[in-house]
Amino acid sequence: MKINSFTLLGIIMIWVSSLEAQTKTSLKLEEAIHIAWNKSNEASLADTKVTTKALELQSMKNHAYPDLKASGQYQRLTNAKIDLKTTNSTASNSEPTPAVNQLLLGQINTSMPIFNGFKLKNNIKASEHLFKAEQASALQSKEVIAMKVITFYARLYKAQKTVDLITENIKSAQQRVADFIQLEKNGLIPRNDLLKSQLQVSKLQLSLDSATSDLNTVNYELTQFLKLDPQTILEVKEQDFANFEMKGIPLGDQIALKNRKDLEALQLAEKASLDQIKVAQSNYYPSLSLVGGYTILDLKNVVTVQNAMNIGVGLSYDLSGILKNGTAVKLAKSKANELKENENLLTDYIKIQVKRASEEYELSQKQEHVYKEAVNQATENYRIIKDKYDNGLADTNDLLEADVEQLASKINQALSRANSIQKYYALLSVSGQLNQTFNLSKI
């Protein structure tokens, strides 16, 4: 059977594209975090909120400029009767009444606030504090985004190491089955020993399938979060995940209280609430403004007014507001107190977070050391049991059990390493130092 050259070329292209789709991509943690800061929905939302607050601040500042309004009217009049009350009206009774059938009116008015109890000034200050608070909240959101990427990387690293270790163990288990088949055929081992080795392969295959499923799920979640091609297969290497030296860890809650952006945002919001108290109190004062205008009028056949300009001052005082405004002031003060209490709660919570993160990191370090020793112990134990088995001093159960313990110790060591790295980053996060670790200023 001959194969058409174009068909062969198509098969090759499909095969090559399939290989490209399965190519693993290595992405350093810092690169992934910067992608998330630029592309994730959470980062876009945080940046949009900052833009909104900036526009609100500019809108508030615009109130300091004069108000300038222009208006014009044209009205068609029907059978208008005009009676001018002037000293010469009796002398002109014999003259016919002029036809008045249209009115033209144009006006330009301007008003500029001079004093309103410092309401505008304090409103602008409040908007500035809210804008800065939103900026701090955006930085805190990006701190959370960075920690989310780190969590994804830890999960992906754990899943990959688990798959690799189980795959490696399956190969040796399958080789053991092949050896046992020959031994069983020669009557050197009972059939149940062969069945036990085959059962272990089946169990390992189930574990591998489960680990592979977890790996695929985490990989898909991470690619979606980073807005990458869903077909991308990310490979997390330890040097890409842990590109730091675990030293100089910031201990103490004072560093956290100084660096935490969520606390800074709350403090700025509290300042804005104090400005709002002054805004409410400004209603006790009168408002003074500079006013001016220009008018042109033409009542056909009757009167024409041109260049009618005016300038002066306007004064207003809401007398009833003196009695009503007390509640508004109390409300503003209550909101300020509420923010102060939230600040106290967050301060205590940050101290607890720092303590917990510090303890968890130290515990992860100890666990990593123990699991490292456990690998050596399990490896040596398997070697001894294997020697005993080869010399007829241990049975198949002992051999398989030692092999399982060796695999478990290697998996635990890999997981503990990833856990230790993750806990280190978590300690940086609760200390408010994760963003600068990955150079947020670069984006």
Protein backbone atom coordinates (compact mmCIF):
# COMPACT_ATOMS: atom_id res chain seq x y z
CA MET A 1 0.00 0.00 0.00
CA LYS A 2 1.47 3.34 -1.11
CA ILE A 3 1.10 6.46 0.98
CA ASN A 4 0.55 9.77 -0.79
CA SER A 5 3.37 12.26 -0.06
CA PHE A 6 0.88 14.95 0.97
CA THR A 7 -0.80 12.54 3.37
CA LEU A 8 2.56 11.66 4.87
CA LEU A 9 3.41 15.35 5.24
CA GLY A 10 0.09 15.97 6.96
CA ILE A 11 0.70 13.12 9.39
CA ILE A 12 4.14 14.50 10.21
CA MET A 13 2.76 18.01 10.79
CA ILE A 14 0.06 16.69 13.10
CA TRP A 15 2.65 14.67 15.00
CA VAL A 16 4.96 17.70 15.34
CA SER A 17 2.11 19.96 16.50
CA SER A 18 1.09 17.31 19.01
CA LEU A 19 4.63 17.25 20.37
CA GLU A 20 4.69 21.05 20.59
CA ALA A 21 1.40 21.04 22.47
CA GLN A 22 2.87 18.66 25.02
CA THR A 23 6.12 20.59 25.42
CA LYS A 24 6.62 21.60 29.02
CA THR A 25 7.20 25.25 29.78
CA SER A 26 9.45 26.29 32.63
CA LEU A 27 8.40 29.61 34.16
CA LYS A 28 10.18 31.20 37.08
CA LEU A 29 8.01 32.15 40.01
CA GLU A 30 8.86 35.84 39.70
CA GLU A 31 7.88 35.81 36.02
CA ALA A 32 4.56 34.14 36.83
CA ILE A 33 3.82 36.69 39.55
CA HIS A 34 4.53 39.58 37.20
CA ILE A 35 2.22 38.02 34.60
CA ALA A 36 -0.50 37.77 37.25
CA TRP A 37 0.05 41.39 38.29
CA ASN A 38 -0.44 42.48 34.69
CA LYS A 39 -3.11 40.11 33.39
CA SER A 40 -5.20 38.61 36.19
CA ASN A 41 -8.78 39.80 36.72
CA GLU A 42 -8.01 40.64 40.35
CA ALA A 43 -5.14 42.96 39.37
CA SER A 44 -7.26 44.63 36.68
CA LEU A 45 -10.05 45.25 39.18
CA ALA A 46 -7.62 46.73 41.73
CA ASP A 47 -6.15 49.08 39.12
CA THR A 48 -9.61 50.12 37.95
CA LYS A 49 -10.62 51.02 41.50
CA VAL A 50 -7.53 53.24 41.80
CA THR A 51 -8.44 54.96 38.52
CA THR A 52 -11.97 55.53 39.80
CA LYS A 53 -10.71 57.15 43.00
CA ALA A 54 -8.33 59.34 40.99
CA LEU A 55 -11.23 60.57 38.86
CA GLU A 56 -13.35 61.18 41.96
CA LEU A 57 -10.52 63.28 43.40
CA GLN A 58 -10.21 65.31 40.20
CA SER A 59 -13.98 65.76 40.12
CA MET A 60 -13.90 67.13 43.67
CA LYS A 61 -11.06 69.53 42.80
CA ASN A 62 -13.08 70.81 39.84
CA HIS A 63 -15.58 72.32 42.29
CA ALA A 64 -12.95 74.93 43.16
CA TYR A 65 -13.28 76.45 39.69
CA PRO A 66 -16.00 79.03 38.91
CA ASP A 67 -19.34 77.90 37.55
CA LEU A 68 -20.04 79.46 34.16
CA LYS A 69 -23.42 79.02 32.53
CA ALA A 70 -24.77 80.38 29.27
CA SER A 71 -28.44 80.30 28.25
CA GLY A 72 -30.55 81.67 25.42
CA GLN A 73 -34.24 81.81 24.59
CA TYR A 74 -36.37 82.62 21.62
CA GLN A 75 -40.10 82.89 22.25
CA ARG A 76 -42.88 83.55 19.77
CA LEU A 77 -45.61 85.72 21.29
CA THR A 78 -49.26 85.85 20.17
CA ASN A 79 -51.42 88.95 20.60
CA ALA A 80 -49.27 90.29 23.45
CA LYS A 81 -50.76 93.41 25.02
CA ILE A 82 -48.11 95.86 26.20
CA ASP A 83 -48.93 98.60 28.72
CA LEU A 84 -45.86 100.67 29.58
CA LYS A 85 -46.30 102.58 32.84
CA THR A 86 -44.37 105.70 31.94
CA THR A 87 -45.00 109.46 32.30
CA ASN A 88 -45.60 109.83 28.57
CA SER A 89 -48.16 107.07 28.28
CA THR A 90 -51.15 109.51 28.18
CA ALA A 91 -49.61 111.53 25.44
CA SER A 92 -49.19 108.57 23.21
CA ASN A 93 -52.66 107.09 23.61
CA SER A 94 -53.48 108.08 20.06
CA GLU A 95 -50.54 106.10 18.66
CA PRO A 96 -51.20 102.50 17.60
CA THR A 97 -49.96 99.72 19.90
CA PRO A 98 -46.80 98.12 18.45
CA ALA A 99 -46.96 94.51 17.36
CA VAL A 100 -45.09 92.46 19.98
CA ASN A 101 -44.70 88.91 18.69
CA GLN A 102 -41.23 87.69 19.69
CA LEU A 103 -38.75 87.76 22.56
CA LEU A 104 -35.01 87.15 22.42
CA LEU A 105 -33.12 86.64 25.69
CA GLY A 106 -29.46 85.66 26.25
CA GLN A 107 -27.62 85.34 29.56
CA ILE A 108 -24.19 84.41 30.86
CA ASN A 109 -23.88 83.85 34.63
CA THR A 110 -20.89 82.98 36.73
CA SER A 111 -20.46 82.06 40.37
CA MET A 112 -17.31 81.33 42.36
CA PRO A 113 -17.30 80.13 45.98
CA ILE A 114 -15.26 82.31 48.34
CA PHE A 115 -16.09 80.77 51.70
CA ASN A 116 -18.29 77.82 52.67
CA GLY A 117 -16.97 76.81 56.06
CA PHE A 118 -13.94 75.10 54.47
CA LYS A 119 -16.29 72.42 53.11
CA LEU A 120 -14.60 72.22 49.72
CA LYS A 121 -11.11 72.14 51.22
CA ASN A 122 -11.99 69.27 53.55
CA ASN A 123 -13.85 67.39 50.82
CA ILE A 124 -10.71 67.53 48.66
CA LYS A 125 -8.56 66.33 51.58
CA ALA A 126 -10.99 63.46 52.20
CA SER A 127 -10.86 62.48 48.51
CA GLU A 128 -7.06 62.58 48.54
CA HIS A 129 -6.95 60.27 51.56
CA LEU A 130 -9.46 57.89 49.94
CA PHE A 131 -7.40 57.88 46.73
CA LYS A 132 -4.24 56.99 48.66
CA ALA A 133 -6.19 54.37 50.62
CA GLU A 134 -7.29 52.76 47.35
CA GLN A 135 -3.69 52.75 46.13
CA ALA A 136 -2.66 50.94 49.31
CA SER A 137 -5.55 48.49 48.87
CA ALA A 138 -4.38 47.81 45.30
CA LEU A 139 -0.89 46.98 46.59
CA GLN A 140 -2.43 44.68 49.18
CA SER A 141 -4.49 43.01 46.44
CA LYS A 142 -1.30 42.38 44.48
CA GLU A 143 0.27 40.94 47.63
CA VAL A 144 -2.64 38.51 47.77
CA ILE A 145 -2.26 37.76 44.05
CA ALA A 146 1.44 36.97 44.51
CA MET A 147 0.63 34.62 47.40
CA LYS A 148 -2.02 32.91 45.28
CA VAL A 149 0.54 32.26 42.52
CA ILE A 150 2.96 30.90 45.13
CA THR A 151 0.25 28.55 46.42
CA PHE A 152 -0.39 27.34 42.86
CA TYR A 153 3.33 26.76 42.37
CA ALA A 154 3.59 24.81 45.62
CA ARG A 155 0.66 22.61 44.64
CA LEU A 156 2.05 22.10 41.13
CA TYR A 157 5.52 21.28 42.45
CA LYS A 158 4.07 18.75 44.92
CA ALA A 159 1.93 17.12 42.22
CA GLN A 160 4.82 16.90 39.75
CA LYS A 161 7.22 15.40 42.29
CA THR A 162 4.57 12.89 43.38
CA VAL A 163 3.95 11.82 39.76
CA ASP A 164 7.68 11.54 39.06
CA LEU A 165 8.40 9.47 42.18
CA ILE A 166 5.44 7.12 41.67
CA THR A 167 6.33 6.69 37.99
CA GLU A 168 9.89 5.79 38.94
CA ASN A 169 8.66 3.37 41.58
CA ILE A 170 6.23 1.73 39.13
CA LYS A 171 9.12 0.94 36.81
CA SER A 172 11.01 -0.89 39.54
CA ALA A 173 7.78 -2.60 40.69
CA GLN A 174 7.04 -3.76 37.14
CA GLN A 175 10.57 -5.13 36.86
CA ARG A 176 10.02 -6.99 40.13
CA VAL A 177 6.84 -8.52 38.67
CA ALA A 178 8.76 -9.61 35.58
CA ASP A 179 11.41 -11.23 37.80
CA PHE A 180 8.75 -12.92 39.97
CA ILE A 181 7.05 -14.34 36.88
CA GLN A 182 10.23 -16.16 35.95
CA LEU A 183 10.82 -17.26 39.55
CA GLU A 184 7.26 -18.56 39.82
CA LYS A 185 7.60 -20.46 36.55
CA ASN A 186 10.72 -22.13 37.91
CA GLY A 187 8.96 -22.93 41.16
CA LEU A 188 11.28 -20.78 43.25
CA ILE A 189 8.50 -18.63 44.78
CA PRO A 190 4.84 -19.34 45.50
CA ARG A 191 2.18 -17.86 43.23
CA ASN A 192 0.79 -15.63 45.97
CA ASP A 193 4.14 -13.75 46.10
CA LEU A 194 3.73 -12.98 42.41
CA LEU A 195 0.14 -11.86 43.00
CA LYS A 196 1.28 -9.57 45.84
CA SER A 197 3.85 -7.88 43.58
CA GLN A 198 1.24 -7.49 40.84
CA LEU A 199 -1.22 -6.04 43.36
CA GLN A 200 1.38 -3.49 44.41
CA VAL A 201 1.76 -2.37 40.78
CA SER A 202 -2.02 -1.97 40.54
CA LYS A 203 -2.09 0.12 43.70
CA LEU A 204 0.77 2.25 42.43
CA GLN A 205 -1.04 2.76 39.13
CA LEU A 206 -4.14 3.97 40.97
CA SER A 207 -2.00 6.39 42.97
CA LEU A 208 -0.34 7.59 39.77
CA ASP A 209 -3.69 8.16 38.08
CA SER A 210 -4.92 10.19 41.05
CA ALA A 211 -1.70 12.23 41.21
CA THR A 212 -1.80 12.86 37.45
CA SER A 213 -5.39 14.06 37.71
CA ASP A 214 -4.39 16.48 40.49
CA LEU A 215 -1.45 17.66 38.40
CA ASN A 216 -3.62 18.35 35.36
CA THR A 217 -6.20 20.20 37.45
CA VAL A 218 -3.67 22.46 39.16
CA ASN A 219 -1.89 23.12 35.86
CA TYR A 220 -5.18 24.17 34.25
CA GLU A 221 -6.11 26.41 37.20
CA LEU A 222 -2.74 28.16 37.07
CA THR A 223 -2.79 28.70 33.29
CA GLN A 224 -6.30 30.16 33.59
CA PHE A 225 -5.20 32.45 36.39
CA LEU A 226 -2.20 33.67 34.36
CA LYS A 227 -4.29 33.98 31.16
CA LEU A 228 -2.02 31.50 29.34
CA ASP A 229 -2.95 29.03 26.62
CA PRO A 230 -4.91 26.24 28.35
CA GLN A 231 -2.76 23.71 26.46
CA THR A 232 0.38 25.02 28.19
CA ILE A 233 2.03 22.48 30.46
CA LEU A 234 4.00 24.25 33.18
CA GLU A 235 6.97 22.57 34.78
CA VAL A 236 8.03 23.86 38.20
CA LYS A 237 11.67 23.31 39.01
CA GLU A 238 12.91 23.89 42.52
CA GLN A 239 15.36 26.57 41.37
CA ASP A 240 12.47 28.40 39.67
CA PHE A 241 10.27 28.11 42.74
CA ALA A 242 12.82 28.83 45.48
CA ASN A 243 15.05 31.50 43.96
CA PHE A 244 16.05 33.01 47.31
CA GLU A 245 18.21 32.40 50.32
CA MET A 246 16.24 31.59 53.43
CA LYS A 247 17.95 34.03 55.71
CA GLY A 248 17.28 37.42 57.18
CA ILE A 249 13.66 36.53 57.81
CA PRO A 250 11.83 39.60 59.16
CA LEU A 251 10.66 38.68 62.64
CA GLY A 252 8.50 40.81 64.91
CA ASP A 253 5.11 42.36 64.42
CA GLN A 254 6.44 45.93 64.29
CA ILE A 255 7.83 45.32 60.80
CA ALA A 256 4.46 43.96 59.72
CA LEU A 257 2.56 46.91 61.21
CA LYS A 258 4.87 49.25 59.30
CA ASN A 259 4.59 47.46 55.94
CA ARG A 260 1.08 46.00 55.75
CA LYS A 261 -0.83 47.84 53.04
CA ASP A 262 -4.27 46.77 54.27
CA LEU A 263 -3.54 48.48 57.60
CA GLU A 264 -2.24 51.55 55.78
CA ALA A 265 -5.43 51.68 53.68
CA LEU A 266 -7.56 51.53 56.82
CA GLN A 267 -5.53 54.30 58.46
CA LEU A 268 -5.96 56.52 55.40
CA ALA A 269 -9.68 55.80 55.34
CA GLU A 270 -9.80 56.88 58.98
CA LYS A 271 -8.13 60.18 58.06
CA ALA A 272 -10.74 60.66 55.35
CA SER A 273 -13.48 60.09 57.95
CA LEU A 274 -11.96 62.82 60.16
CA ASP A 275 -12.09 65.14 57.13
CA GLN A 276 -15.75 64.23 56.68
CA ILE A 277 -16.43 65.35 60.25
CA LYS A 278 -15.09 68.78 59.33
CA VAL A 279 -17.23 68.74 56.19
CA ALA A 280 -20.33 68.09 58.29
CA GLN A 281 -19.35 70.85 60.73
CA SER A 282 -18.94 73.32 57.87
CA ASN A 283 -22.72 73.42 57.49
CA TYR A 284 -22.80 75.58 60.63
CA TYR A 285 -21.20 78.42 58.64
CA PRO A 286 -22.73 80.69 55.97
CA SER A 287 -21.70 80.42 52.33
CA LEU A 288 -20.23 83.38 50.50
CA SER A 289 -19.67 83.50 46.75
CA LEU A 290 -18.75 85.97 44.03
CA VAL A 291 -21.41 86.29 41.31
CA GLY A 292 -21.55 88.05 37.97
CA GLY A 293 -23.45 88.01 34.72
CA TYR A 294 -24.19 89.45 31.31
CA THR A 295 -27.67 89.85 29.78
CA ILE A 296 -28.97 90.78 26.34
CA LEU A 297 -32.73 91.18 25.69
CA ASP A 298 -34.85 92.11 22.69
CA LEU A 299 -38.62 92.43 23.01
CA LYS A 300 -39.58 93.26 19.45
CA ASN A 301 -40.86 96.80 18.89
CA VAL A 302 -40.76 97.52 22.63
CA VAL A 303 -37.37 97.35 24.31
CA THR A 304 -33.80 96.28 23.55
CA VAL A 305 -31.23 95.73 26.31
CA GLN A 306 -27.54 95.27 25.48
CA ASN A 307 -24.35 94.95 27.54
CA ALA A 308 -26.25 94.58 30.81
CA MET A 309 -23.46 93.38 33.08
CA ASN A 310 -23.63 92.71 36.80
CA ILE A 311 -21.18 91.71 39.53
CA GLY A 312 -21.59 91.22 43.27
CA VAL A 313 -21.51 88.80 46.14
CA GLY A 314 -24.00 86.19 47.25
CA LEU A 315 -24.61 85.13 50.83
CA SER A 316 -26.65 82.16 51.98
CA TYR A 317 -27.20 80.70 55.43
CA ASP A 318 -29.29 77.62 56.11
CA LEU A 319 -30.77 78.57 59.47
CA SER A 320 -32.75 75.35 59.83
CA GLY A 321 -29.55 73.40 59.16
CA ILE A 322 -28.12 74.64 62.44
CA LEU A 323 -30.66 72.45 64.24
CA LYS A 324 -30.58 69.57 61.77
CA ASN A 325 -26.82 69.35 61.23
CA GLY A 326 -26.05 67.96 64.69
CA THR A 327 -27.11 64.49 63.59
CA ALA A 328 -24.91 64.65 60.50
CA VAL A 329 -21.89 65.56 62.65
CA LYS A 330 -22.61 62.72 65.08
CA LEU A 331 -22.95 60.30 62.16
CA ALA A 332 -19.58 61.35 60.73
CA LYS A 333 -17.95 60.94 64.16
CA SER A 334 -19.52 57.50 64.59
CA LYS A 335 -18.14 56.36 61.22
CA ALA A 336 -14.68 57.60 62.24
CA ASN A 337 -14.92 55.65 65.51
CA GLU A 338 -15.98 52.57 63.58
CA LEU A 339 -12.89 52.76 61.38
CA LYS A 340 -10.71 53.27 64.44
CA GLU A 341 -12.09 50.10 66.03
CA ASN A 342 -11.50 48.21 62.77
CA GLU A 343 -7.92 49.46 62.79
CA ASN A 344 -7.44 48.13 66.33
CA LEU A 345 -8.92 44.77 65.34
CA LEU A 346 -6.69 44.51 62.25
CA THR A 347 -3.62 45.46 64.30
CA ASP A 348 -4.26 42.61 66.74
CA TYR A 349 -4.99 40.21 63.89
CA ILE A 350 -1.73 41.10 62.11
CA LYS A 351 0.23 40.34 65.27
CA ILE A 352 -1.47 36.94 65.49
CA GLN A 353 -0.81 36.28 61.80
CA VAL A 354 2.89 37.06 62.17
CA LYS A 355 3.20 34.78 65.19
CA ARG A 356 1.35 31.93 63.47
CA ALA A 357 3.33 32.29 60.23
CA SER A 358 6.61 32.36 62.14
CA GLU A 359 5.71 29.21 64.07
CA GLU A 360 4.52 27.41 60.94
CA TYR A 361 7.72 28.26 59.09
CA GLU A 362 9.92 27.01 61.94
CA LEU A 363 7.82 23.84 62.11
CA SER A 364 8.18 23.29 58.35
CA GLN A 365 11.95 23.62 58.69
CA LYS A 366 12.01 20.95 61.39
CA GLN A 367 9.73 18.67 59.37
CA GLU A 368 11.91 19.05 56.30
CA HIS A 369 14.96 17.98 58.33
CA VAL A 370 13.11 14.97 59.76
CA TYR A 371 11.81 13.84 56.35
CA LYS A 372 15.30 14.17 54.89
CA GLU A 373 16.60 11.80 57.54
CA ALA A 374 13.61 9.52 56.98
CA VAL A 375 14.59 9.10 53.32
CA ASN A 376 18.04 7.91 54.32
CA GLN A 377 16.55 5.58 56.91
CA ALA A 378 13.94 4.16 54.53
CA THR A 379 16.52 3.69 51.77
CA GLU A 380 18.88 1.86 54.11
CA ASN A 381 16.00 -0.21 55.50
CA TYR A 382 14.99 -1.29 51.98
CA ARG A 383 18.59 -2.24 51.17
CA ILE A 384 18.80 -4.42 54.30
CA ILE A 385 15.42 -6.07 53.68
CA LYS A 386 16.36 -6.69 50.03
CA ASP A 387 19.57 -8.42 51.11
CA LYS A 388 17.65 -10.52 53.61
CA TYR A 389 15.05 -11.38 50.98
CA ASP A 390 17.72 -12.43 48.51
CA ASN A 391 19.20 -14.67 51.21
CA GLY A 392 15.84 -16.12 52.23
CA LEU A 393 15.72 -14.30 55.58
CA ALA A 394 12.77 -12.04 54.77
CA ASP A 395 9.51 -12.70 52.95
CA THR A 396 7.79 -10.85 50.14
CA ASN A 397 5.58 -8.87 52.54
CA ASP A 398 8.65 -7.40 54.23
CA LEU A 399 10.17 -6.47 50.85
CA LEU A 400 7.04 -4.81 49.50
CA GLU A 401 6.40 -2.98 52.77
CA ALA A 402 9.97 -1.63 52.79
CA ASP A 403 9.54 -0.49 49.19
CA VAL A 404 6.30 1.35 50.04
CA GLU A 405 7.95 3.05 53.02
CA GLN A 406 10.85 4.14 50.82
CA LEU A 407 8.47 5.68 48.26
CA ALA A 408 6.42 7.39 50.99
CA SER A 409 9.55 8.90 52.56
CA LYS A 410 10.67 10.35 49.21
CA ILE A 411 7.23 11.83 48.55
CA ASN A 412 7.08 13.28 52.07
CA GLN A 413 10.51 14.86 51.59
CA ALA A 414 9.44 16.52 48.33
CA LEU A 415 6.19 17.76 49.86
CA SER A 416 7.95 19.07 52.97
CA ARG A 417 10.43 21.00 50.81
CA ALA A 418 7.60 22.68 48.90
CA ASN A 419 5.76 23.33 52.14
CA SER A 420 8.83 24.96 53.69
CA ILE A 421 9.24 27.27 50.68
CA GLN A 422 5.55 28.17 50.77
CA LYS A 423 5.66 28.94 54.50
CA TYR A 424 8.64 31.23 53.97
CA TYR A 425 6.72 33.25 51.39
CA ALA A 426 3.69 33.27 53.69
CA LEU A 427 5.84 34.80 56.43
CA LEU A 428 6.95 37.49 54.00
CA SER A 429 3.33 38.08 53.03
CA VAL A 430 1.98 38.60 56.55
CA SER A 431 4.97 40.89 57.17
CA GLY A 432 3.96 43.02 54.17
CA GLN A 433 7.21 42.37 52.31
CA LEU A 434 6.20 40.02 49.52
CA ASN A 435 5.70 42.68 46.82
CA GLN A 436 9.17 44.18 47.21
CA THR A 437 10.64 40.66 47.18
CA PHE A 438 9.42 40.30 43.60
CA ASN A 439 10.10 43.93 42.60
CA LEU A 440 6.59 45.27 42.10
CA SER A 441 8.14 48.56 40.94
CA LYS A 442 9.26 46.84 37.72
CA ILE A 443 5.75 46.54 36.32
